[in-house]
PDB file of N, CA and C in Angstrom:
ATOM      1  N   MET A   1       7.960   1.906 -12.152  1.00  0.00           N
ATOM      2  CA  MET A   1       7.411   2.152 -13.455  1.00  0.00           C
ATOM      3  C   MET A   1       6.357   1.111 -13.795  1.00  0.00           C
ATOM      4  N   GLY A   2       6.604  -0.112 -13.389  1.00  0.00           N
ATOM      5  CA  GLY A   2       5.648  -1.182 -13.647  1.00  0.00           C
ATOM      6  C   GLY A   2       4.330  -0.954 -12.922  1.00  0.00           C
ATOM      7  N   ILE A   3       4.414  -0.391 -11.711  1.00  0.00           N
ATOM      8  CA  ILE A   3       3.193  -0.104 -10.958  1.00  0.00           C
ATOM      9  C   ILE A   3       2.379   0.962 -11.676  1.00  0.00           C
ATOM     10  N   GLY A   4       3.048   1.961 -12.222  1.00  0.00           N
ATOM     11  CA  GLY A   4       2.354   3.005 -12.970  1.00  0.00           C
ATOM     12  C   GLY A   4       1.668   2.470 -14.208  1.00  0.00           C
ATOM     13  N   VAL A   5       2.339   1.580 -14.908  1.00  0.00           N
ATOM     14  CA  VAL A   5       1.738   0.973 -16.097  1.00  0.00           C
ATOM     15  C   VAL A   5       0.525   0.146 -15.704  1.00  0.00           C
ATOM     16  N   ALA A   6       0.655  -0.604 -14.620  1.00  0.00           N
ATOM     17  CA  ALA A   6      -0.470  -1.417 -14.159  1.00  0.00           C
ATOM     18  C   ALA A   6      -1.655  -0.539 -13.761  1.00  0.00           C
ATOM     19  N   LEU A   7      -1.384   0.573 -13.086  1.00  0.00           N
ATOM     20  CA  LEU A   7      -2.463   1.497 -12.712  1.00  0.00           C
ATOM     21  C   LEU A   7      -3.130   2.092 -13.943  1.00  0.00           C
ATOM     22  N   CYS A   8      -2.337   2.476 -14.920  1.00  0.00           N
ATOM     23  CA  CYS A   8      -2.892   3.060 -16.144  1.00  0.00           C
ATOM     24  C   CYS A   8      -3.758   2.051 -16.892  1.00  0.00           C
ATOM     25  N   LEU A   9      -3.263   0.849 -17.045  1.00  0.00           N
ATOM     26  CA  LEU A   9      -4.041  -0.170 -17.744  1.00  0.00           C
ATOM     27  C   LEU A   9      -5.321  -0.516 -16.984  1.00  0.00           C
ATOM     28  N   THR A  10      -5.230  -0.583 -15.662  1.00  0.00           N
ATOM     29  CA  THR A  10      -6.423  -0.851 -14.856  1.00  0.00           C
ATOM     30  C   THR A  10      -7.423   0.277 -14.986  1.00  0.00           C
ATOM     31  N   GLY A  11      -6.939   1.515 -14.911  1.00  0.00           N
ATOM     32  CA  GLY A  11      -7.830   2.669 -15.038  1.00  0.00           C
ATOM     33  C   GLY A  11      -8.513   2.730 -16.389  1.00  0.00           C
ATOM     34  N   VAL A  12      -7.766   2.494 -17.435  1.00  0.00           N
ATOM     35  CA  VAL A  12      -8.346   2.515 -18.782  1.00  0.00           C
ATOM     36  C   VAL A  12      -9.310   1.345 -18.955  1.00  0.00           C
ATOM     37  N   GLY A  13      -8.955   0.199 -18.400  1.00  0.00           N
ATOM     38  CA  GLY A  13      -9.834  -0.960 -18.487  1.00  0.00           C
ATOM     39  C   GLY A  13     -11.170  -0.730 -17.790  1.00  0.00           C
ATOM     40  N   ILE A  14     -11.127  -0.114 -16.623  1.00  0.00           N
ATOM     41  CA  ILE A  14     -12.370   0.180 -15.898  1.00  0.00           C
ATOM     42  C   ILE A  14     -13.225   1.166 -16.670  1.00  0.00           C
ATOM     43  N   THR A  15     -12.581   2.159 -17.302  1.00  0.00           N
ATOM     44  CA  THR A  15     -13.362   3.168 -18.031  1.00  0.00           C
ATOM     45  C   THR A  15     -13.994   2.602 -19.302  1.00  0.00           C
ATOM     46  N   LEU A  16     -13.557   1.441 -19.743  1.00  0.00           N
ATOM     47  CA  LEU A  16     -14.213   0.815 -20.890  1.00  0.00           C
ATOM     48  C   LEU A  16     -15.619   0.342 -20.529  1.00  0.00           C
ATOM     49  N   PHE A  17     -15.808  -0.030 -19.258  1.00  0.00           N
ATOM     50  CA  PHE A  17     -17.084  -0.570 -18.819  1.00  0.00           C
ATOM     51  C   PHE A  17     -17.956   0.447 -18.091  1.00  0.00           C
ATOM     52  N   TYR A  18     -17.342   1.475 -17.525  1.00  0.00           N
ATOM     53  CA  TYR A  18     -18.077   2.492 -16.773  1.00  0.00           C
ATOM     54  C   TYR A  18     -17.784   3.861 -17.380  1.00  0.00           C
ATOM     55  N   ASN A  19     -18.741   4.738 -17.316  1.00  0.00           N
ATOM     56  CA  ASN A  19     -18.608   6.077 -17.882  1.00  0.00           C
ATOM     57  C   ASN A  19     -17.874   6.977 -16.887  1.00  0.00           C
ATOM     58  N   LEU A  20     -16.554   6.843 -16.839  1.00  0.00           N
ATOM     59  CA  LEU A  20     -15.720   7.623 -15.926  1.00  0.00           C
ATOM     60  C   LEU A  20     -14.592   8.277 -16.710  1.00  0.00           C
ATOM     61  N   GLN A  21     -14.006   9.305 -16.126  1.00  0.00           N
ATOM     62  CA  GLN A  21     -12.861   9.976 -16.733  1.00  0.00           C
ATOM     63  C   GLN A  21     -11.602   9.151 -16.461  1.00  0.00           C
ATOM     64  N   PRO A  22     -10.886   8.715 -17.496  1.00  0.00           N
ATOM     65  CA  PRO A  22      -9.726   7.838 -17.257  1.00  0.00           C
ATOM     66  C   PRO A  22      -8.607   8.512 -16.470  1.00  0.00           C
ATOM     67  N   GLY A  23      -8.320   9.770 -16.736  1.00  0.00           N
ATOM     68  CA  GLY A  23      -7.228  10.447 -16.031  1.00  0.00           C
ATOM     69  C   GLY A  23      -7.495  10.564 -14.542  1.00  0.00           C
ATOM     70  N   ALA A  24      -8.711  10.961 -14.207  1.00  0.00           N
ATOM     71  CA  ALA A  24      -9.067  11.107 -12.791  1.00  0.00           C
ATOM     72  C   ALA A  24      -9.062   9.753 -12.089  1.00  0.00           C
ATOM     73  N   LEU A  25      -9.548   8.733 -12.781  1.00  0.00           N
ATOM     74  CA  LEU A  25      -9.579   7.402 -12.179  1.00  0.00           C
ATOM     75  C   LEU A  25      -8.172   6.880 -11.921  1.00  0.00           C
ATOM     76  N   ILE A  26      -7.259   7.114 -12.839  1.00  0.00           N
ATOM     77  CA  ILE A  26      -5.874   6.669 -12.653  1.00  0.00           C
ATOM     78  C   ILE A  26      -5.246   7.372 -11.449  1.00  0.00           C
ATOM     79  N   VAL A  27      -5.523   8.659 -11.292  1.00  0.00           N
ATOM     80  CA  VAL A  27      -4.994   9.395 -10.135  1.00  0.00           C
ATOM     81  C   VAL A  27      -5.584   8.859  -8.842  1.00  0.00           C
ATOM     82  N   VAL A  28      -6.879   8.613  -8.831  1.00  0.00           N
ATOM     83  CA  VAL A  28      -7.531   8.081  -7.627  1.00  0.00           C
ATOM     84  C   VAL A  28      -6.986   6.702  -7.290  1.00  0.00           C
ATOM     85  N   LEU A  29      -6.794   5.860  -8.284  1.00  0.00           N
ATOM     86  CA  LEU A  29      -6.209   4.537  -8.037  1.00  0.00           C
ATOM     87  C   LEU A  29      -4.802   4.661  -7.461  1.00  0.00           C
ATOM     88  N   GLY A  30      -4.033   5.616  -7.964  1.00  0.00           N
ATOM     89  CA  GLY A  30      -2.685   5.838  -7.439  1.00  0.00           C
ATOM     90  C   GLY A  30      -2.699   6.288  -5.988  1.00  0.00           C
ATOM     91  N   VAL A  31      -3.618   7.174  -5.649  1.00  0.00           N
ATOM     92  CA  VAL A  31      -3.730   7.649  -4.263  1.00  0.00           C
ATOM     93  C   VAL A  31      -4.153   6.505  -3.348  1.00  0.00           C
ATOM     94  N   ILE A  32      -5.115   5.709  -3.796  1.00  0.00           N
ATOM     95  CA  ILE A  32      -5.560   4.570  -2.990  1.00  0.00           C
ATOM     96  C   ILE A  32      -4.408   3.596  -2.761  1.00  0.00           C
ATOM     97  N   LEU A  33      -3.647   3.301  -3.801  1.00  0.00           N
ATOM     98  CA  LEU A  33      -2.508   2.395  -3.662  1.00  0.00           C
ATOM     99  C   LEU A  33      -1.470   2.964  -2.695  1.00  0.00           C
ATOM    100  N   TYR A  34      -1.207   4.262  -2.776  1.00  0.00           N
ATOM    101  CA  TYR A  34      -0.249   4.902  -1.875  1.00  0.00           C
ATOM    102  C   TYR A  34      -0.710   4.771  -0.419  1.00  0.00           C
ATOM    103  N   VAL A  35      -1.981   5.021  -0.166  1.00  0.00           N
ATOM    104  CA  VAL A  35      -2.501   4.938   1.203  1.00  0.00           C
ATOM    105  C   VAL A  35      -2.396   3.509   1.729  1.00  0.00           C
ATOM    106  N   VAL A  36      -2.723   2.533   0.896  1.00  0.00           N
ATOM    107  CA  VAL A  36      -2.646   1.132   1.321  1.00  0.00           C
ATOM    108  C   VAL A  36      -1.209   0.743   1.643  1.00  0.00           C
ATOM    109  N   VAL A  37      -0.276   1.106   0.789  1.00  0.00           N
ATOM    110  CA  VAL A  37       1.136   0.749   1.011  1.00  0.00           C
ATOM    111  C   VAL A  37       1.695   1.482   2.227  1.00  0.00           C
ATOM    112  N   ALA A  38       1.375   2.762   2.378  1.00  0.00           N
ATOM    113  CA  ALA A  38       1.871   3.525   3.523  1.00  0.00           C
ATOM    114  C   ALA A  38       1.321   2.968   4.831  1.00  0.00           C
ATOM    115  N   SER A  39       0.052   2.626   4.847  1.00  0.00           N
ATOM    116  CA  SER A  39      -0.546   2.052   6.053  1.00  0.00           C
ATOM    117  C   SER A  39       0.053   0.687   6.356  1.00  0.00           C
ATOM    118  N   GLY A  40       0.203  -0.120   5.330  1.00  0.00           N
ATOM    119  CA  GLY A  40       0.763  -1.456   5.518  1.00  0.00           C
ATOM    120  C   GLY A  40       2.188  -1.420   6.023  1.00  0.00           C
ATOM    121  N   SER A  41       2.997  -0.507   5.513  1.00  0.00           N
ATOM    122  CA  SER A  41       4.387  -0.435   5.967  1.00  0.00           C
ATOM    123  C   SER A  41       4.464   0.034   7.414  1.00  0.00           C
ATOM    124  N   GLY A  42       3.561   0.925   7.814  1.00  0.00           N
ATOM    125  CA  GLY A  42       3.528   1.360   9.212  1.00  0.00           C
ATOM    126  C   GLY A  42       3.155   0.230  10.148  1.00  0.00           C
ATOM    127  N   ILE A  43       2.196  -0.583   9.742  1.00  0.00           N
ATOM    128  CA  ILE A  43       1.771  -1.724  10.562  1.00  0.00           C
ATOM    129  C   ILE A  43       2.902  -2.735  10.684  1.00  0.00           C
ATOM    130  N   VAL A  44       3.567  -3.034   9.576  1.00  0.00           N
ATOM    131  CA  VAL A  44       4.676  -3.996   9.597  1.00  0.00           C
ATOM    132  C   VAL A  44       5.807  -3.479  10.476  1.00  0.00           C
ATOM    133  N   LYS A  45       6.125  -2.208  10.360  1.00  0.00           N
ATOM    134  CA  LYS A  45       7.213  -1.629  11.157  1.00  0.00           C
ATOM    135  C   LYS A  45       6.890  -1.711  12.652  1.00  0.00           C
ATOM    136  N   ARG A  46       5.646  -1.425  13.002  1.00  0.00           N
ATOM    137  CA  ARG A  46       5.238  -1.474  14.403  1.00  0.00           C
ATOM    138  C   ARG A  46       5.318  -2.901  14.942  1.00  0.00           C
ATOM    139  N   ARG A  47       4.881  -3.891  14.154  1.00  0.00           N
ATOM    140  CA  ARG A  47       4.939  -5.284  14.597  1.00  0.00           C
ATOM    141  C   ARG A  47       6.375  -5.748  14.777  1.00  0.00           C
ATOM    142  N   ARG A  48       7.244  -5.362  13.856  1.00  0.00           N
ATOM    143  CA  ARG A  48       8.646  -5.761  13.982  1.00  0.00           C
ATOM    144  C   ARG A  48       9.262  -5.151  15.233  1.00  0.00           C
ATOM    145  N   HIS A  49       8.924  -3.892  15.517  1.00  0.00           N
ATOM    146  CA  HIS A  49       9.467  -3.231  16.699  1.00  0.00           C
ATOM    147  C   HIS A  49       9.006  -3.950  17.969  1.00  0.00           C
ATOM    148  N   ARG A  50       7.719  -4.300  18.018  1.00  0.00           N
ATOM    149  CA  ARG A  50       7.205  -5.002  19.197  1.00  0.00           C
ATOM    150  C   ARG A  50       7.855  -6.378  19.342  1.00  0.00           C
ATOM    151  N   ARG A  51       8.051  -7.077  18.216  1.00  0.00           N
ATOM    152  CA  ARG A  51       8.678  -8.396  18.260  1.00  0.00           C
ATOM    153  C   ARG A  51      10.113  -8.278  18.771  1.00  0.00           C
ATOM    154  N   ASP A  52      10.829  -7.267  18.288  1.00  0.00           N
ATOM    155  CA  ASP A  52      12.203  -7.081  18.735  1.00  0.00           C
ATOM    156  C   ASP A  52      12.259  -6.730  20.218  1.00  0.00           C
ATOM    157  N   GLN A  53      11.331  -5.909  20.685  1.00  0.00           N
ATOM    158  CA  GLN A  53      11.293  -5.562  22.089  1.00  0.00           C
ATOM    159  C   GLN A  53      11.001  -6.790  22.958  1.00  0.00           C
ATOM    160  N   ALA A  54      10.092  -7.646  22.480  1.00  0.00           N
ATOM    161  CA  ALA A  54       9.776  -8.869  23.220  1.00  0.00           C
ATOM    162  C   ALA A  54      10.994  -9.792  23.292  1.00  0.00           C
ATOM    163  N   ARG A  55      11.748  -9.891  22.226  1.00  0.00           N
ATOM    164  CA  ARG A  55      12.964 -10.721  22.242  1.00  0.00           C
ATOM    165  C   ARG A  55      13.994 -10.178  23.208  1.00  0.00           C
ATOM    166  N   LEU A  56      14.127  -8.860  23.269  1.00  0.00           N
ATOM    167  CA  LEU A  56      15.072  -8.258  24.213  1.00  0.00           C
ATOM    168  C   LEU A  56      14.654  -8.526  25.659  1.00  0.00           C
ATOM    169  N   MET A  57      13.354  -8.458  25.920  1.00  0.00           N
ATOM    170  CA  MET A  57      12.870  -8.675  27.275  1.00  0.00           C
ATOM    171  C   MET A  57      13.061 -10.140  27.709  1.00  0.00           C
ATOM    172  N   LYS A  58      12.910 -11.079  26.782  1.00  0.00           N
ATOM    173  CA  LYS A  58      13.117 -12.497  27.109  1.00  0.00           C
ATOM    174  C   LYS A  58      14.573 -12.772  27.434  1.00  0.00           C
ATOM    175  N   GLY A  59      15.473 -12.084  26.757  1.00  0.00           N
ATOM    176  CA  GLY A  59      16.891 -12.318  26.963  1.00  0.00           C
ATOM    177  C   GLY A  59      17.454 -11.578  28.151  1.00  0.00           C
ATOM    178  N   ALA A  60      16.679 -10.685  28.725  1.00  0.00           N
ATOM    179  CA  ALA A  60      17.169  -9.899  29.870  1.00  0.00           C
ATOM    180  C   ALA A  60      17.228 -10.783  31.113  1.00  0.00           C
ATOM    181  N   PRO A  61      18.255 -10.606  31.946  1.00  0.00           N
ATOM    182  CA  PRO A  61      18.366 -11.401  33.167  1.00  0.00           C
ATOM    183  C   PRO A  61      17.241 -11.049  34.142  1.00  0.00           C
ATOM    184  N   ALA A  62      16.770 -12.056  34.876  1.00  0.00           N
ATOM    185  CA  ALA A  62      15.644 -11.864  35.800  1.00  0.00           C
ATOM    186  C   ALA A  62      16.072 -11.341  37.131  1.00  0.00           C
TER     187      ALA A  62
END
């Protein structure tokens, strides 16, 4: 809920200075935030998986 409030306030704040539609801008900001978070979580998950695989390989008998 806090993220939504922050997006709304940011969108309304931007529209004070630029001639844009506030509703559309808030939706676009939400989509951009979703894409950034989804991409970031995928990258983090992939790095953790690789790190775990490397630890398993180090512990494996030679």
